[in-house]
Amino acid sequence: MNLKAAEEGKEYIIQQINTDDEELDAFLFSLGCYSGETITVIAHRKGGCTVSIKDARYNIDTQLAEAIIV
């Protein structure tokens, strides 16, 4: 299941990230978004969702939310 289909307020463990862009992978890694890390969907928004990773909140777009598999 990807983040777009995840329940709000529930904690998940990231299984994998499906991107073909090495720069994007490096950026996500710098945020703490990588396999094995916990992630929580705070809210689903029109253009994506708000997530919590390591006590920080980020807004991510729909395309990125679909690439993060939990």
PDB file of N, CA and C in Angstrom:
ATOM      1  N   MET A   1       0.857  -1.171   0.000  1.00  0.00           N
ATOM      2  CA  MET A   1       0.000   0.000   0.000  1.00  0.00           C
ATOM      3  C   MET A   1       0.904   1.234   0.000  1.00  0.00           C
ATOM      4  N   ASN A   2       0.480   2.274  -0.689  1.00  0.00           N
ATOM      5  CA  ASN A   2       1.263   3.512  -0.696  1.00  0.00           C
ATOM      6  C   ASN A   2       0.672   4.517   0.300  1.00  0.00           C
ATOM      7  N   LEU A   3       1.362   5.639   0.490  1.00  0.00           N
ATOM      8  CA  LEU A   3       0.909   6.636   1.466  1.00  0.00           C
ATOM      9  C   LEU A   3      -0.421   7.269   1.105  1.00  0.00           C
ATOM     10  N   LYS A   4      -0.726   7.329  -0.170  1.00  0.00           N
ATOM     11  CA  LYS A   4      -1.998   7.925  -0.586  1.00  0.00           C
ATOM     12  C   LYS A   4      -3.181   7.124  -0.033  1.00  0.00           C
ATOM     13  N   ALA A   5      -3.010   5.819   0.110  1.00  0.00           N
ATOM     14  CA  ALA A   5      -4.081   4.961   0.614  1.00  0.00           C
ATOM     15  C   ALA A   5      -3.996   4.731   2.127  1.00  0.00           C
ATOM     16  N   ALA A   6      -2.994   5.291   2.779  1.00  0.00           N
ATOM     17  CA  ALA A   6      -2.791   5.071   4.218  1.00  0.00           C
ATOM     18  C   ALA A   6      -3.802   5.848   5.051  1.00  0.00           C
ATOM     19  N   GLU A   7      -4.080   5.321   6.246  1.00  0.00           N
ATOM     20  CA  GLU A   7      -5.006   5.976   7.166  1.00  0.00           C
ATOM     21  C   GLU A   7      -4.321   7.138   7.868  1.00  0.00           C
ATOM     22  N   GLU A   8      -5.072   8.195   8.109  1.00  0.00           N
ATOM     23  CA  GLU A   8      -4.540   9.333   8.858  1.00  0.00           C
ATOM     24  C   GLU A   8      -4.348   8.948  10.318  1.00  0.00           C
ATOM     25  N   GLY A   9      -3.235   9.371  10.902  1.00  0.00           N
ATOM     26  CA  GLY A   9      -2.980   9.148  12.320  1.00  0.00           C
ATOM     27  C   GLY A   9      -2.372   7.803  12.664  1.00  0.00           C
ATOM     28  N   LYS A  10      -2.234   6.928  11.708  1.00  0.00           N
ATOM     29  CA  LYS A  10      -1.673   5.603  11.957  1.00  0.00           C
ATOM     30  C   LYS A  10      -0.198   5.579  11.554  1.00  0.00           C
ATOM     31  N   GLU A  11       0.629   4.951  12.382  1.00  0.00           N
ATOM     32  CA  GLU A  11       2.062   4.870  12.108  1.00  0.00           C
ATOM     33  C   GLU A  11       2.360   3.656  11.224  1.00  0.00           C
ATOM     34  N   TYR A  12       3.181   3.866  10.208  1.00  0.00           N
ATOM     35  CA  TYR A  12       3.562   2.812   9.271  1.00  0.00           C
ATOM     36  C   TYR A  12       5.080   2.721   9.185  1.00  0.00           C
ATOM     37  N   ILE A  13       5.570   1.601   8.711  1.00  0.00           N
ATOM     38  CA  ILE A  13       6.992   1.425   8.444  1.00  0.00           C
ATOM     39  C   ILE A  13       7.185   1.440   6.935  1.00  0.00           C
ATOM     40  N   ILE A  14       8.119   2.259   6.460  1.00  0.00           N
ATOM     41  CA  ILE A  14       8.384   2.373   5.029  1.00  0.00           C
ATOM     42  C   ILE A  14       9.033   1.083   4.544  1.00  0.00           C
ATOM     43  N   GLN A  15       8.421   0.449   3.553  1.00  0.00           N
ATOM     44  CA  GLN A  15       8.950  -0.788   2.980  1.00  0.00           C
ATOM     45  C   GLN A  15       9.927  -0.491   1.852  1.00  0.00           C
ATOM     46  N   GLN A  16       9.562   0.454   0.983  1.00  0.00           N
ATOM     47  CA  GLN A  16      10.431   0.834  -0.121  1.00  0.00           C
ATOM     48  C   GLN A  16       9.958   2.143  -0.731  1.00  0.00           C
ATOM     49  N   ILE A  17      10.845   2.734  -1.525  1.00  0.00           N
ATOM     50  CA  ILE A  17      10.518   3.967  -2.228  1.00  0.00           C
ATOM     51  C   ILE A  17      10.762   3.722  -3.705  1.00  0.00           C
ATOM     52  N   ASN A  18       9.709   3.866  -4.504  1.00  0.00           N
ATOM     53  CA  ASN A  18       9.771   3.580  -5.945  1.00  0.00           C
ATOM     54  C   ASN A  18       9.965   4.860  -6.751  1.00  0.00           C
ATOM     55  N   THR A  19      11.217   5.276  -6.904  1.00  0.00           N
ATOM     56  CA  THR A  19      11.527   6.416  -7.769  1.00  0.00           C
ATOM     57  C   THR A  19      12.705   6.029  -8.650  1.00  0.00           C
ATOM     58  N   ASP A  20      12.769   6.611  -9.824  1.00  0.00           N
ATOM     59  CA  ASP A  20      13.883   6.377 -10.735  1.00  0.00           C
ATOM     60  C   ASP A  20      14.875   7.530 -10.691  1.00  0.00           C
ATOM     61  N   ASP A  21      14.638   8.482  -9.808  1.00  0.00           N
ATOM     62  CA  ASP A  21      15.450   9.691  -9.721  1.00  0.00           C
ATOM     63  C   ASP A  21      16.388   9.603  -8.517  1.00  0.00           C
ATOM     64  N   GLU A  22      17.693   9.493  -8.761  1.00  0.00           N
ATOM     65  CA  GLU A  22      18.672   9.383  -7.674  1.00  0.00           C
ATOM     66  C   GLU A  22      18.696  10.640  -6.812  1.00  0.00           C
ATOM     67  N   GLU A  23      18.487  11.800  -7.426  1.00  0.00           N
ATOM     68  CA  GLU A  23      18.472  13.053  -6.677  1.00  0.00           C
ATOM     69  C   GLU A  23      17.303  13.079  -5.694  1.00  0.00           C
ATOM     70  N   LEU A  24      16.159  12.605  -6.128  1.00  0.00           N
ATOM     71  CA  LEU A  24      14.985  12.536  -5.255  1.00  0.00           C
ATOM     72  C   LEU A  24      15.218  11.544  -4.126  1.00  0.00           C
ATOM     73  N   ASP A  25      15.822  10.396  -4.428  1.00  0.00           N
ATOM     74  CA  ASP A  25      16.153   9.414  -3.393  1.00  0.00           C
ATOM     75  C   ASP A  25      17.066  10.024  -2.336  1.00  0.00           C
ATOM     76  N   ALA A  26      18.072  10.772  -2.779  1.00  0.00           N
ATOM     77  CA  ALA A  26      19.009  11.407  -1.850  1.00  0.00           C
ATOM     78  C   ALA A  26      18.296  12.453  -0.994  1.00  0.00           C
ATOM     79  N   PHE A  27      17.378  13.206  -1.605  1.00  0.00           N
ATOM     80  CA  PHE A  27      16.618  14.210  -0.862  1.00  0.00           C
ATOM     81  C   PHE A  27      15.753  13.548   0.205  1.00  0.00           C
ATOM     82  N   LEU A  28      15.036  12.499  -0.172  1.00  0.00           N
ATOM     83  CA  LEU A  28      14.188  11.791   0.798  1.00  0.00           C
ATOM     84  C   LEU A  28      15.017  11.198   1.926  1.00  0.00           C
ATOM     85  N   PHE A  29      16.188  10.659   1.598  1.00  0.00           N
ATOM     86  CA  PHE A  29      17.079  10.098   2.607  1.00  0.00           C
ATOM     87  C   PHE A  29      17.509  11.188   3.597  1.00  0.00           C
ATOM     88  N   SER A  30      17.767  12.391   3.089  1.00  0.00           N
ATOM     89  CA  SER A  30      18.177  13.489   3.970  1.00  0.00           C
ATOM     90  C   SER A  30      17.053  13.906   4.918  1.00  0.00           C
ATOM     91  N   LEU A  31      15.804  13.659   4.521  1.00  0.00           N
ATOM     92  CA  LEU A  31      14.659  13.946   5.392  1.00  0.00           C
ATOM     93  C   LEU A  31      14.422  12.834   6.408  1.00  0.00           C
ATOM     94  N   GLY A  32      15.076  11.688   6.221  1.00  0.00           N
ATOM     95  CA  GLY A  32      14.854  10.545   7.090  1.00  0.00           C
ATOM     96  C   GLY A  32      13.826   9.584   6.538  1.00  0.00           C
ATOM     97  N   CYS A  33      13.504   9.720   5.266  1.00  0.00           N
ATOM     98  CA  CYS A  33      12.498   8.884   4.608  1.00  0.00           C
ATOM     99  C   CYS A  33      13.203   7.786   3.818  1.00  0.00           C
ATOM    100  N   TYR A  34      13.345   6.623   4.440  1.00  0.00           N
ATOM    101  CA  TYR A  34      14.001   5.482   3.802  1.00  0.00           C
ATOM    102  C   TYR A  34      13.433   4.190   4.376  1.00  0.00           C
ATOM    103  N   SER A  35      13.734   3.071   3.758  1.00  0.00           N
ATOM    104  CA  SER A  35      13.195   1.762   4.165  1.00  0.00           C
ATOM    105  C   SER A  35      13.523   1.477   5.630  1.00  0.00           C
ATOM    106  N   GLY A  36      12.503   1.016   6.349  1.00  0.00           N
ATOM    107  CA  GLY A  36      12.665   0.668   7.750  1.00  0.00           C
ATOM    108  C   GLY A  36      12.306   1.786   8.716  1.00  0.00           C
ATOM    109  N   GLU A  37      12.171   3.002   8.217  1.00  0.00           N
ATOM    110  CA  GLU A  37      11.839   4.147   9.065  1.00  0.00           C
ATOM    111  C   GLU A  37      10.322   4.237   9.238  1.00  0.00           C
ATOM    112  N   THR A  38       9.877   4.768  10.377  1.00  0.00           N
ATOM    113  CA  THR A  38       8.441   4.933  10.604  1.00  0.00           C
ATOM    114  C   THR A  38       7.980   6.262  10.011  1.00  0.00           C
ATOM    115  N   ILE A  39       6.736   6.264   9.558  1.00  0.00           N
ATOM    116  CA  ILE A  39       6.124   7.459   8.967  1.00  0.00           C
ATOM    117  C   ILE A  39       4.648   7.472   9.347  1.00  0.00           C
ATOM    118  N   THR A  40       4.126   8.653   9.615  1.00  0.00           N
ATOM    119  CA  THR A  40       2.721   8.808   9.977  1.00  0.00           C
ATOM    120  C   THR A  40       2.076   9.825   9.049  1.00  0.00           C
ATOM    121  N   VAL A  41       0.924   9.478   8.497  1.00  0.00           N
ATOM    122  CA  VAL A  41       0.165  10.426   7.678  1.00  0.00           C
ATOM    123  C   VAL A  41      -0.668  11.270   8.631  1.00  0.00           C
ATOM    124  N   ILE A  42      -0.382  12.567   8.646  1.00  0.00           N
ATOM    125  CA  ILE A  42      -1.119  13.487   9.520  1.00  0.00           C
ATOM    126  C   ILE A  42      -2.458  13.854   8.889  1.00  0.00           C
ATOM    127  N   ALA A  43      -2.430  14.196   7.598  1.00  0.00           N
ATOM    128  CA  ALA A  43      -3.657  14.591   6.901  1.00  0.00           C
ATOM    129  C   ALA A  43      -3.493  14.405   5.403  1.00  0.00           C
ATOM    130  N   HIS A  44      -4.581  14.024   4.751  1.00  0.00           N
ATOM    131  CA  HIS A  44      -4.617  13.968   3.289  1.00  0.00           C
ATOM    132  C   HIS A  44      -5.115  15.319   2.788  1.00  0.00           C
ATOM    133  N   ARG A  45      -4.411  15.854   1.815  1.00  0.00           N
ATOM    134  CA  ARG A  45      -4.766  17.150   1.239  1.00  0.00           C
ATOM    135  C   ARG A  45      -5.120  16.970  -0.234  1.00  0.00           C
ATOM    136  N   LYS A  46      -5.647  18.004  -0.829  1.00  0.00           N
ATOM    137  CA  LYS A  46      -6.041  17.958  -2.233  1.00  0.00           C
ATOM    138  C   LYS A  46      -4.853  17.623  -3.146  1.00  0.00           C
ATOM    139  N   GLY A  47      -3.705  18.248  -2.897  1.00  0.00           N
ATOM    140  CA  GLY A  47      -2.543  18.047  -3.748  1.00  0.00           C
ATOM    141  C   GLY A  47      -1.542  17.042  -3.212  1.00  0.00           C
ATOM    142  N   GLY A  48      -1.859  16.337  -2.152  1.00  0.00           N
ATOM    143  CA  GLY A  48      -0.931  15.362  -1.566  1.00  0.00           C
ATOM    144  C   GLY A  48      -1.304  15.056  -0.132  1.00  0.00           C
ATOM    145  N   CYS A  49      -0.293  15.045   0.752  1.00  0.00           N
ATOM    146  CA  CYS A  49      -0.578  14.785   2.153  1.00  0.00           C
ATOM    147  C   CYS A  49       0.518  15.360   3.045  1.00  0.00           C
ATOM    148  N   THR A  50       0.188  15.487   4.323  1.00  0.00           N
ATOM    149  CA  THR A  50       1.133  15.933   5.330  1.00  0.00           C
ATOM    150  C   THR A  50       1.565  14.708   6.105  1.00  0.00           C
ATOM    151  N   VAL A  51       2.885  14.523   6.240  1.00  0.00           N
ATOM    152  CA  VAL A  51       3.415  13.351   6.932  1.00  0.00           C
ATOM    153  C   VAL A  51       4.349  13.775   8.048  1.00  0.00           C
ATOM    154  N   SER A  52       4.537  12.879   9.000  1.00  0.00           N
ATOM    155  CA  SER A  52       5.468  13.094  10.090  1.00  0.00           C
ATOM    156  C   SER A  52       6.549  12.028  10.005  1.00  0.00           C
ATOM    157  N   ILE A  53       7.812  12.484   9.919  1.00  0.00           N
ATOM    158  CA  ILE A  53       8.965  11.596   9.892  1.00  0.00           C
ATOM    159  C   ILE A  53       9.943  12.114  10.932  1.00  0.00           C
ATOM    160  N   LYS A  54      10.297  11.276  11.897  1.00  0.00           N
ATOM    161  CA  LYS A  54      11.262  11.665  12.942  1.00  0.00           C
ATOM    162  C   LYS A  54      10.901  13.001  13.588  1.00  0.00           C
ATOM    163  N   ASP A  55       9.679  13.146  14.051  1.00  0.00           N
ATOM    164  CA  ASP A  55       9.196  14.345  14.755  1.00  0.00           C
ATOM    165  C   ASP A  55       9.219  15.618  13.922  1.00  0.00           C
ATOM    166  N   ALA A  56       9.278  15.508  12.605  1.00  0.00           N
ATOM    167  CA  ALA A  56       9.192  16.668  11.720  1.00  0.00           C
ATOM    168  C   ALA A  56       8.016  16.437  10.774  1.00  0.00           C
ATOM    169  N   ARG A  57       7.370  17.512  10.368  1.00  0.00           N
ATOM    170  CA  ARG A  57       6.235  17.412   9.446  1.00  0.00           C
ATOM    171  C   ARG A  57       6.614  17.948   8.084  1.00  0.00           C
ATOM    172  N   TYR A  58       6.152  17.237   7.048  1.00  0.00           N
ATOM    173  CA  TYR A  58       6.433  17.629   5.672  1.00  0.00           C
ATOM    174  C   TYR A  58       5.160  17.505   4.842  1.00  0.00           C
ATOM    175  N   ASN A  59       5.008  18.391   3.870  1.00  0.00           N
ATOM    176  CA  ASN A  59       3.935  18.274   2.878  1.00  0.00           C
ATOM    177  C   ASN A  59       4.540  17.636   1.636  1.00  0.00           C
ATOM    178  N   ILE A  60       3.945  16.553   1.170  1.00  0.00           N
ATOM    179  CA  ILE A  60       4.432  15.891  -0.040  1.00  0.00           C
ATOM    180  C   ILE A  60       3.303  15.825  -1.059  1.00  0.00           C
ATOM    181  N   ASP A  61       3.660  15.857  -2.325  1.00  0.00           N
ATOM    182  CA  ASP A  61       2.638  15.842  -3.363  1.00  0.00           C
ATOM    183  C   ASP A  61       2.135  14.415  -3.607  1.00  0.00           C
ATOM    184  N   THR A  62       1.090  14.297  -4.393  1.00  0.00           N
ATOM    185  CA  THR A  62       0.445  13.014  -4.652  1.00  0.00           C
ATOM    186  C   THR A  62       1.386  12.021  -5.320  1.00  0.00           C
ATOM    187  N   GLN A  63       2.173  12.483  -6.271  1.00  0.00           N
ATOM    188  CA  GLN A  63       3.093  11.595  -6.986  1.00  0.00           C
ATOM    189  C   GLN A  63       4.116  10.975  -6.034  1.00  0.00           C
ATOM    190  N   LEU A  64       4.635  11.756  -5.110  1.00  0.00           N
ATOM    191  CA  LEU A  64       5.601  11.236  -4.147  1.00  0.00           C
ATOM    192  C   LEU A  64       4.922  10.321  -3.138  1.00  0.00           C
ATOM    193  N   ALA A  65       3.700  10.662  -2.729  1.00  0.00           N
ATOM    194  CA  ALA A  65       2.962   9.809  -1.798  1.00  0.00           C
ATOM    195  C   ALA A  65       2.692   8.437  -2.399  1.00  0.00           C
ATOM    196  N   GLU A  66       2.487   8.397  -3.715  1.00  0.00           N
ATOM    197  CA  GLU A  66       2.262   7.108  -4.386  1.00  0.00           C
ATOM    198  C   GLU A  66       3.557   6.313  -4.514  1.00  0.00           C
ATOM    199  N   ALA A  67       4.712   6.978  -4.465  1.00  0.00           N
ATOM    200  CA  ALA A  67       5.997   6.305  -4.609  1.00  0.00           C
ATOM    201  C   ALA A  67       6.497   5.691  -3.303  1.00  0.00           C
ATOM    202  N   ILE A  68       5.958   6.140  -2.174  1.00  0.00           N
ATOM    203  CA  ILE A  68       6.389   5.620  -0.874  1.00  0.00           C
ATOM    204  C   ILE A  68       5.480   4.473  -0.472  1.00  0.00           C
ATOM    205  N   ILE A  69       6.054   3.268  -0.417  1.00  0.00           N
ATOM    206  CA  ILE A  69       5.303   2.055  -0.102  1.00  0.00           C
ATOM    207  C   ILE A  69       5.475   1.721   1.377  1.00  0.00           C
ATOM    208  N   VAL A  70       4.338   1.546   2.062  1.00  0.00           N
ATOM    209  CA  VAL A  70       4.364   1.204   3.486  1.00  0.00           C
ATOM    210  C   VAL A  70       3.766  -0.164   3.718  1.00  0.00           C
TER     211      VAL A  70
END
